[in-house]
PDB file of N, CA and C in Angstrom:
ATOM      1  N   MET A   1      24.526  -7.182  -1.943  1.00  0.00           N
ATOM      2  CA  MET A   1      23.799  -5.955  -2.180  1.00  0.00           C
ATOM      3  C   MET A   1      23.279  -5.972  -3.607  1.00  0.00           C
ATOM      4  N   GLY A   2      22.108  -5.374  -3.828  1.00  0.00           N
ATOM      5  CA  GLY A   2      21.510  -5.339  -5.150  1.00  0.00           C
ATOM      6  C   GLY A   2      20.875  -3.992  -5.425  1.00  0.00           C
ATOM      7  N   VAL A   3      20.404  -3.843  -6.629  1.00  0.00           N
ATOM      8  CA  VAL A   3      19.757  -2.615  -7.073  1.00  0.00           C
ATOM      9  C   VAL A   3      18.299  -2.925  -7.356  1.00  0.00           C
ATOM     10  N   ILE A   4      17.418  -2.066  -6.873  1.00  0.00           N
ATOM     11  CA  ILE A   4      15.989  -2.202  -7.136  1.00  0.00           C
ATOM     12  C   ILE A   4      15.548  -1.001  -7.955  1.00  0.00           C
ATOM     13  N   ARG A   5      14.971  -1.255  -9.108  1.00  0.00           N
ATOM     14  CA  ARG A   5      14.500  -0.156  -9.964  1.00  0.00           C
ATOM     15  C   ARG A   5      13.024   0.080  -9.684  1.00  0.00           C
ATOM     16  N   VAL A   6      12.693   1.344  -9.420  1.00  0.00           N
ATOM     17  CA  VAL A   6      11.305   1.741  -9.176  1.00  0.00           C
ATOM     18  C   VAL A   6      11.022   2.995  -9.978  1.00  0.00           C
ATOM     19  N   SER A   7       9.751   3.285 -10.159  1.00  0.00           N
ATOM     20  CA  SER A   7       9.367   4.500 -10.881  1.00  0.00           C
ATOM     21  C   SER A   7       9.721   5.732 -10.048  1.00  0.00           C
ATOM     22  N   GLU A   8       9.753   6.873 -10.709  1.00  0.00           N
ATOM     23  CA  GLU A   8      10.032   8.133 -10.009  1.00  0.00           C
ATOM     24  C   GLU A   8       9.013   8.381  -8.898  1.00  0.00           C
ATOM     25  N   GLU A   9       7.755   8.076  -9.181  1.00  0.00           N
ATOM     26  CA  GLU A   9       6.691   8.275  -8.190  1.00  0.00           C
ATOM     27  C   GLU A   9       6.931   7.425  -6.942  1.00  0.00           C
ATOM     28  N   VAL A  10       7.274   6.162  -7.141  1.00  0.00           N
ATOM     29  CA  VAL A  10       7.549   5.269  -6.010  1.00  0.00           C
ATOM     30  C   VAL A  10       8.784   5.757  -5.255  1.00  0.00           C
ATOM     31  N   HIS A  11       9.798   6.191  -5.978  1.00  0.00           N
ATOM     32  CA  HIS A  11      11.012   6.692  -5.330  1.00  0.00           C
ATOM     33  C   HIS A  11      10.700   7.915  -4.462  1.00  0.00           C
ATOM     34  N   ARG A  12       9.889   8.832  -4.976  1.00  0.00           N
ATOM     35  CA  ARG A  12       9.511  10.024  -4.186  1.00  0.00           C
ATOM     36  C   ARG A  12       8.765   9.619  -2.922  1.00  0.00           C
ATOM     37  N   GLU A  13       7.843   8.655  -3.051  1.00  0.00           N
ATOM     38  CA  GLU A  13       7.086   8.204  -1.876  1.00  0.00           C
ATOM     39  C   GLU A  13       7.992   7.517  -0.864  1.00  0.00           C
ATOM     40  N   LEU A  14       8.923   6.717  -1.341  1.00  0.00           N
ATOM     41  CA  LEU A  14       9.884   6.077  -0.434  1.00  0.00           C
ATOM     42  C   LEU A  14      10.730   7.124   0.290  1.00  0.00           C
ATOM     43  N   GLU A  15      11.134   8.160  -0.415  1.00  0.00           N
ATOM     44  CA  GLU A  15      11.910   9.238   0.219  1.00  0.00           C
ATOM     45  C   GLU A  15      11.089   9.934   1.306  1.00  0.00           C
ATOM     46  N   ARG A  16       9.805  10.184   0.998  1.00  0.00           N
ATOM     47  CA  ARG A  16       8.923  10.808   2.014  1.00  0.00           C
ATOM     48  C   ARG A  16       8.819   9.919   3.242  1.00  0.00           C
ATOM     49  N   LEU A  17       8.620   8.620   3.030  1.00  0.00           N
ATOM     50  CA  LEU A  17       8.532   7.686   4.150  1.00  0.00           C
ATOM     51  C   LEU A  17       9.842   7.622   4.930  1.00  0.00           C
ATOM     52  N   ARG A  18      10.963   7.618   4.209  1.00  0.00           N
ATOM     53  CA  ARG A  18      12.269   7.547   4.861  1.00  0.00           C
ATOM     54  C   ARG A  18      12.465   8.732   5.800  1.00  0.00           C
ATOM     55  N   ARG A  19      12.117   9.932   5.317  1.00  0.00           N
ATOM     56  CA  ARG A  19      12.235  11.117   6.177  1.00  0.00           C
ATOM     57  C   ARG A  19      11.248  11.057   7.334  1.00  0.00           C
ATOM     58  N   ARG A  20      10.046  10.587   7.062  1.00  0.00           N
ATOM     59  CA  ARG A  20       8.996  10.541   8.092  1.00  0.00           C
ATOM     60  C   ARG A  20       9.368   9.631   9.257  1.00  0.00           C
ATOM     61  N   VAL A  21      10.007   8.497   8.952  1.00  0.00           N
ATOM     62  CA  VAL A  21      10.376   7.557  10.018  1.00  0.00           C
ATOM     63  C   VAL A  21      11.824   7.742  10.463  1.00  0.00           C
ATOM     64  N   SER A  22      12.497   8.752   9.900  1.00  0.00           N
ATOM     65  CA  SER A  22      13.894   9.071  10.238  1.00  0.00           C
ATOM     66  C   SER A  22      14.839   7.897   9.997  1.00  0.00           C
ATOM     67  N   ALA A  23      14.582   7.160   8.920  1.00  0.00           N
ATOM     68  CA  ALA A  23      15.493   6.074   8.553  1.00  0.00           C
ATOM     69  C   ALA A  23      16.771   6.688   7.996  1.00  0.00           C
ATOM     70  N   LYS A  24      17.914   6.132   8.372  1.00  0.00           N
ATOM     71  CA  LYS A  24      19.200   6.665   7.937  1.00  0.00           C
ATOM     72  C   LYS A  24      19.435   6.462   6.449  1.00  0.00           C
ATOM     73  N   SER A  25      18.893   5.375   5.920  1.00  0.00           N
ATOM     74  CA  SER A  25      19.118   5.062   4.504  1.00  0.00           C
ATOM     75  C   SER A  25      17.866   4.415   3.914  1.00  0.00           C
ATOM     76  N   MET A  26      17.848   4.331   2.590  1.00  0.00           N
ATOM     77  CA  MET A  26      16.758   3.661   1.912  1.00  0.00           C
ATOM     78  C   MET A  26      16.754   2.186   2.280  1.00  0.00           C
ATOM     79  N   SER A  27      17.925   1.619   2.476  1.00  0.00           N
ATOM     80  CA  SER A  27      18.039   0.219   2.870  1.00  0.00           C
ATOM     81  C   SER A  27      17.389  -0.012   4.236  1.00  0.00           C
ATOM     82  N   ASP A  28      17.620   0.905   5.173  1.00  0.00           N
ATOM     83  CA  ASP A  28      16.985   0.794   6.494  1.00  0.00           C
ATOM     84  C   ASP A  28      15.467   0.895   6.378  1.00  0.00           C
ATOM     85  N   LEU A  29      14.992   1.796   5.517  1.00  0.00           N
ATOM     86  CA  LEU A  29      13.550   1.941   5.318  1.00  0.00           C
ATOM     87  C   LEU A  29      12.956   0.655   4.757  1.00  0.00           C
ATOM     88  N   ILE A  30      13.593   0.087   3.753  1.00  0.00           N
ATOM     89  CA  ILE A  30      13.075  -1.141   3.142  1.00  0.00           C
ATOM     90  C   ILE A  30      13.055  -2.277   4.157  1.00  0.00           C
ATOM     91  N   ALA A  31      14.084  -2.373   4.985  1.00  0.00           N
ATOM     92  CA  ALA A  31      14.103  -3.400   6.028  1.00  0.00           C
ATOM     93  C   ALA A  31      12.935  -3.208   6.990  1.00  0.00           C
ATOM     94  N   LEU A  32      12.647  -1.968   7.366  1.00  0.00           N
ATOM     95  CA  LEU A  32      11.523  -1.671   8.253  1.00  0.00           C
ATOM     96  C   LEU A  32      10.201  -2.028   7.581  1.00  0.00           C
ATOM     97  N   LEU A  33      10.042  -1.670   6.316  1.00  0.00           N
ATOM     98  CA  LEU A  33       8.810  -1.987   5.591  1.00  0.00           C
ATOM     99  C   LEU A  33       8.601  -3.496   5.478  1.00  0.00           C
ATOM    100  N   ILE A  34       9.674  -4.232   5.266  1.00  0.00           N
ATOM    101  CA  ILE A  34       9.569  -5.694   5.204  1.00  0.00           C
ATOM    102  C   ILE A  34       9.125  -6.251   6.549  1.00  0.00           C
ATOM    103  N   GLU A  35       9.731  -5.755   7.621  1.00  0.00           N
ATOM    104  CA  GLU A  35       9.356  -6.216   8.961  1.00  0.00           C
ATOM    105  C   GLU A  35       7.887  -5.932   9.260  1.00  0.00           C
ATOM    106  N   LEU A  36       7.435  -4.712   8.952  1.00  0.00           N
ATOM    107  CA  LEU A  36       6.034  -4.356   9.191  1.00  0.00           C
ATOM    108  C   LEU A  36       5.091  -5.182   8.324  1.00  0.00           C
ATOM    109  N   SER A  37       5.466  -5.379   7.074  1.00  0.00           N
ATOM    110  CA  SER A  37       4.628  -6.161   6.160  1.00  0.00           C
ATOM    111  C   SER A  37       4.515  -7.607   6.622  1.00  0.00           C
ATOM    112  N   ARG A  38       5.625  -8.177   7.038  1.00  0.00           N
ATOM    113  CA  ARG A  38       5.621  -9.565   7.516  1.00  0.00           C
ATOM    114  C   ARG A  38       4.699  -9.703   8.718  1.00  0.00           C
ATOM    115  N   ASP A  39       4.774  -8.745   9.636  1.00  0.00           N
ATOM    116  CA  ASP A  39       3.924  -8.763  10.827  1.00  0.00           C
ATOM    117  C   ASP A  39       2.454  -8.666  10.441  1.00  0.00           C
ATOM    118  N   ARG A  40       2.141  -7.768   9.525  1.00  0.00           N
ATOM    119  CA  ARG A  40       0.742  -7.602   9.093  1.00  0.00           C
ATOM    120  C   ARG A  40       0.233  -8.850   8.389  1.00  0.00           C
ATOM    121  N   LEU A  41       1.041  -9.420   7.531  1.00  0.00           N
ATOM    122  CA  LEU A  41       0.609 -10.618   6.812  1.00  0.00           C
ATOM    123  C   LEU A  41       0.429 -11.804   7.748  1.00  0.00           C
ATOM    124  N   ASP A  42       1.262 -11.890   8.785  1.00  0.00           N
ATOM    125  CA  ASP A  42       1.115 -12.971   9.761  1.00  0.00           C
ATOM    126  C   ASP A  42      -0.210 -12.856  10.509  1.00  0.00           C
ATOM    127  N   ARG A  43      -0.696 -11.628  10.717  1.00  0.00           N
ATOM    128  CA  ARG A  43      -1.960 -11.426  11.436  1.00  0.00           C
ATOM    129  C   ARG A  43      -3.175 -11.500  10.518  1.00  0.00           C
ATOM    130  N   PHE A  44      -2.962 -11.399   9.215  1.00  0.00           N
ATOM    131  CA  PHE A  44      -4.055 -11.394   8.245  1.00  0.00           C
ATOM    132  C   PHE A  44      -4.596 -12.807   8.074  1.00  0.00           C
ATOM    133  N   LYS A  45      -5.895 -12.982   8.245  1.00  0.00           N
ATOM    134  CA  LYS A  45      -6.513 -14.314   8.189  1.00  0.00           C
ATOM    135  C   LYS A  45      -7.165 -14.620   6.845  1.00  0.00           C
ATOM    136  N   GLY A  46      -7.285 -13.618   5.987  1.00  0.00           N
ATOM    137  CA  GLY A  46      -7.948 -13.820   4.703  1.00  0.00           C
ATOM    138  C   GLY A  46      -6.992 -14.337   3.633  1.00  0.00           C
ATOM    139  N   ASN A  47      -7.450 -14.311   2.410  1.00  0.00           N
ATOM    140  CA  ASN A  47      -6.662 -14.728   1.263  1.00  0.00           C
ATOM    141  C   ASN A  47      -5.899 -13.510   0.745  1.00  0.00           C
ATOM    142  N   PRO A  48      -4.560 -13.487   0.868  1.00  0.00           N
ATOM    143  CA  PRO A  48      -3.779 -12.320   0.445  1.00  0.00           C
ATOM    144  C   PRO A  48      -3.967 -11.971  -1.026  1.00  0.00           C
ATOM    145  N   GLU A  49      -4.167 -12.960  -1.890  1.00  0.00           N
ATOM    146  CA  GLU A  49      -4.353 -12.681  -3.311  1.00  0.00           C
ATOM    147  C   GLU A  49      -5.622 -11.867  -3.547  1.00  0.00           C
ATOM    148  N   VAL A  50      -6.690 -12.219  -2.854  1.00  0.00           N
ATOM    149  CA  VAL A  50      -7.948 -11.485  -2.989  1.00  0.00           C
ATOM    150  C   VAL A  50      -7.778 -10.067  -2.450  1.00  0.00           C
ATOM    151  N   PHE A  51      -7.117  -9.942  -1.316  1.00  0.00           N
ATOM    152  CA  PHE A  51      -6.878  -8.625  -0.722  1.00  0.00           C
ATOM    153  C   PHE A  51      -6.085  -7.741  -1.677  1.00  0.00           C
ATOM    154  N   LEU A  52      -5.026  -8.261  -2.271  1.00  0.00           N
ATOM    155  CA  LEU A  52      -4.202  -7.472  -3.176  1.00  0.00           C
ATOM    156  C   LEU A  52      -4.973  -7.077  -4.430  1.00  0.00           C
ATOM    157  N   LYS A  53      -5.849  -7.955  -4.909  1.00  0.00           N
ATOM    158  CA  LYS A  53      -6.672  -7.606  -6.072  1.00  0.00           C
ATOM    159  C   LYS A  53      -7.610  -6.447  -5.751  1.00  0.00           C
ATOM    160  N   THR A  54      -8.153  -6.397  -4.529  1.00  0.00           N
ATOM    161  CA  THR A  54      -9.065  -5.319  -4.162  1.00  0.00           C
ATOM    162  C   THR A  54      -8.335  -3.985  -4.076  1.00  0.00           C
ATOM    163  N   LEU A  55      -7.039  -4.011  -3.764  1.00  0.00           N
ATOM    164  CA  LEU A  55      -6.281  -2.763  -3.690  1.00  0.00           C
ATOM    165  C   LEU A  55      -6.195  -2.076  -5.042  1.00  0.00           C
ATOM    166  N   LYS A  56      -6.243  -2.841  -6.118  1.00  0.00           N
ATOM    167  CA  LYS A  56      -6.196  -2.251  -7.456  1.00  0.00           C
ATOM    168  C   LYS A  56      -7.377  -1.310  -7.667  1.00  0.00           C
ATOM    169  N   HIS A  57      -8.505  -1.602  -7.029  1.00  0.00           N
ATOM    170  CA  HIS A  57      -9.711  -0.792  -7.198  1.00  0.00           C
ATOM    171  C   HIS A  57      -9.786   0.352  -6.193  1.00  0.00           C
ATOM    172  N   ALA A  58      -8.914   0.356  -5.205  1.00  0.00           N
ATOM    173  CA  ALA A  58      -8.966   1.382  -4.168  1.00  0.00           C
ATOM    174  C   ALA A  58      -8.696   2.761  -4.742  1.00  0.00           C
ATOM    175  N   GLY A  59      -7.886   2.845  -5.775  1.00  0.00           N
ATOM    176  CA  GLY A  59      -7.576   4.138  -6.373  1.00  0.00           C
ATOM    177  C   GLY A  59      -8.782   4.795  -7.004  1.00  0.00           C
ATOM    178  N   ALA A  60      -9.819   4.041  -7.318  1.00  0.00           N
ATOM    179  CA  ALA A  60     -11.014   4.605  -7.932  1.00  0.00           C
ATOM    180  C   ALA A  60     -11.828   5.430  -6.946  1.00  0.00           C
ATOM    181  N   ALA A  61     -11.634   5.211  -5.675  1.00  0.00           N
ATOM    182  CA  ALA A  61     -12.391   5.932  -4.653  1.00  0.00           C
ATOM    183  C   ALA A  61     -11.723   7.259  -4.361  1.00  0.00           C
ATOM    184  N   GLY A  62     -12.537   8.279  -4.175  1.00  0.00           N
ATOM    185  CA  GLY A  62     -12.032   9.589  -3.804  1.00  0.00           C
ATOM    186  C   GLY A  62     -12.203   9.814  -2.318  1.00  0.00           C
ATOM    187  N   GLU A  63     -11.723  10.949  -1.840  1.00  0.00           N
ATOM    188  CA  GLU A  63     -11.816  11.248  -0.420  1.00  0.00           C
ATOM    189  C   GLU A  63     -13.256  11.388   0.052  1.00  0.00           C
ATOM    190  N   ARG A  64     -14.152  11.798  -0.833  1.00  0.00           N
ATOM    191  CA  ARG A  64     -15.532  12.072  -0.431  1.00  0.00           C
ATOM    192  C   ARG A  64     -16.526  11.078  -1.025  1.00  0.00           C
ATOM    193  N   ASP A  65     -16.080   9.887  -1.291  1.00  0.00           N
ATOM    194  CA  ASP A  65     -16.939   8.892  -1.935  1.00  0.00           C
ATOM    195  C   ASP A  65     -17.603   7.933  -0.959  1.00  0.00           C
ATOM    196  N   SER A  66     -17.549   8.208   0.331  1.00  0.00           N
ATOM    197  CA  SER A  66     -18.094   7.249   1.294  1.00  0.00           C
ATOM    198  C   SER A  66     -19.585   7.026   1.101  1.00  0.00           C
ATOM    199  N   GLU A  67     -20.314   8.051   0.636  1.00  0.00           N
ATOM    200  CA  GLU A  67     -21.746   7.855   0.427  1.00  0.00           C
ATOM    201  C   GLU A  67     -22.023   6.995  -0.797  1.00  0.00           C
ATOM    202  N   ARG A  68     -21.023   6.738  -1.625  1.00  0.00           N
ATOM    203  CA  ARG A  68     -21.175   5.919  -2.825  1.00  0.00           C
ATOM    204  C   ARG A  68     -20.567   4.538  -2.640  1.00  0.00           C
ATOM    205  N   ILE A  69     -20.300   4.130  -1.406  1.00  0.00           N
ATOM    206  CA  ILE A  69     -19.572   2.880  -1.165  1.00  0.00           C
ATOM    207  C   ILE A  69     -20.286   1.657  -1.744  1.00  0.00           C
ATOM    208  N   ASP A  70     -21.616   1.584  -1.590  1.00  0.00           N
ATOM    209  CA  ASP A  70     -22.350   0.436  -2.133  1.00  0.00           C
ATOM    210  C   ASP A  70     -22.228   0.373  -3.652  1.00  0.00           C
ATOM    211  N   GLU A  71     -22.345   1.527  -4.299  1.00  0.00           N
ATOM    212  CA  GLU A  71     -22.211   1.582  -5.744  1.00  0.00           C
ATOM    213  C   GLU A  71     -20.805   1.134  -6.165  1.00  0.00           C
ATOM    214  N   MET A  72     -19.803   1.581  -5.425  1.00  0.00           N
ATOM    215  CA  MET A  72     -18.432   1.245  -5.775  1.00  0.00           C
ATOM    216  C   MET A  72     -18.132  -0.231  -5.554  1.00  0.00           C
ATOM    217  N   LEU A  73     -18.713  -0.790  -4.498  1.00  0.00           N
ATOM    218  CA  LEU A  73     -18.458  -2.196  -4.188  1.00  0.00           C
ATOM    219  C   LEU A  73     -19.297  -3.144  -5.027  1.00  0.00           C
ATOM    220  N   TYR A  74     -20.556  -2.780  -5.231  1.00  0.00           N
ATOM    221  CA  TYR A  74     -21.494  -3.718  -5.857  1.00  0.00           C
ATOM    222  C   TYR A  74     -21.990  -3.293  -7.235  1.00  0.00           C
ATOM    223  N   GLY A  75     -21.620  -2.102  -7.687  1.00  0.00           N
ATOM    224  CA  GLY A  75     -22.062  -1.625  -8.982  1.00  0.00           C
ATOM    225  C   GLY A  75     -23.294  -0.746  -8.854  1.00  0.00           C
ATOM    226  N   GLU A  76     -23.744  -0.211  -9.987  1.00  0.00           N
ATOM    227  CA  GLU A  76     -24.939   0.657 -10.029  1.00  0.00           C
ATOM    228  C   GLU A  76     -26.129   0.000  -9.356  1.00  0.00           C
ATOM    229  N   GLY A  77     -26.794   0.734  -8.523  1.00  0.00           N
ATOM    230  CA  GLY A  77     -28.030   0.247  -7.905  1.00  0.00           C
ATOM    231  C   GLY A  77     -27.840  -0.719  -6.775  1.00  0.00           C
ATOM    232  N   GLY A  78     -26.584  -1.000  -6.364  1.00  0.00           N
ATOM    233  CA  GLY A  78     -26.330  -1.879  -5.208  1.00  0.00           C
ATOM    234  C   GLY A  78     -26.719  -3.231  -5.472  1.00  0.00           C
TER     235      GLY A  78
END
């Protein structure tokens, strides 16, 4: 058994997920997340490094930014 240190924000999100999926413990939730992640990565055909880099930019998009998608992906003026 080990200890994993995460930020308060990550801990709150993990708690929300744990309640949402009715996991008995944080350990059960992490095991489920690992299983789901492994399954998704096995089905993913692209380059995981490129995919993970694009996630860093996902936070820049807002809920109503779909009309600005070209600008966000390709810069000003498309």
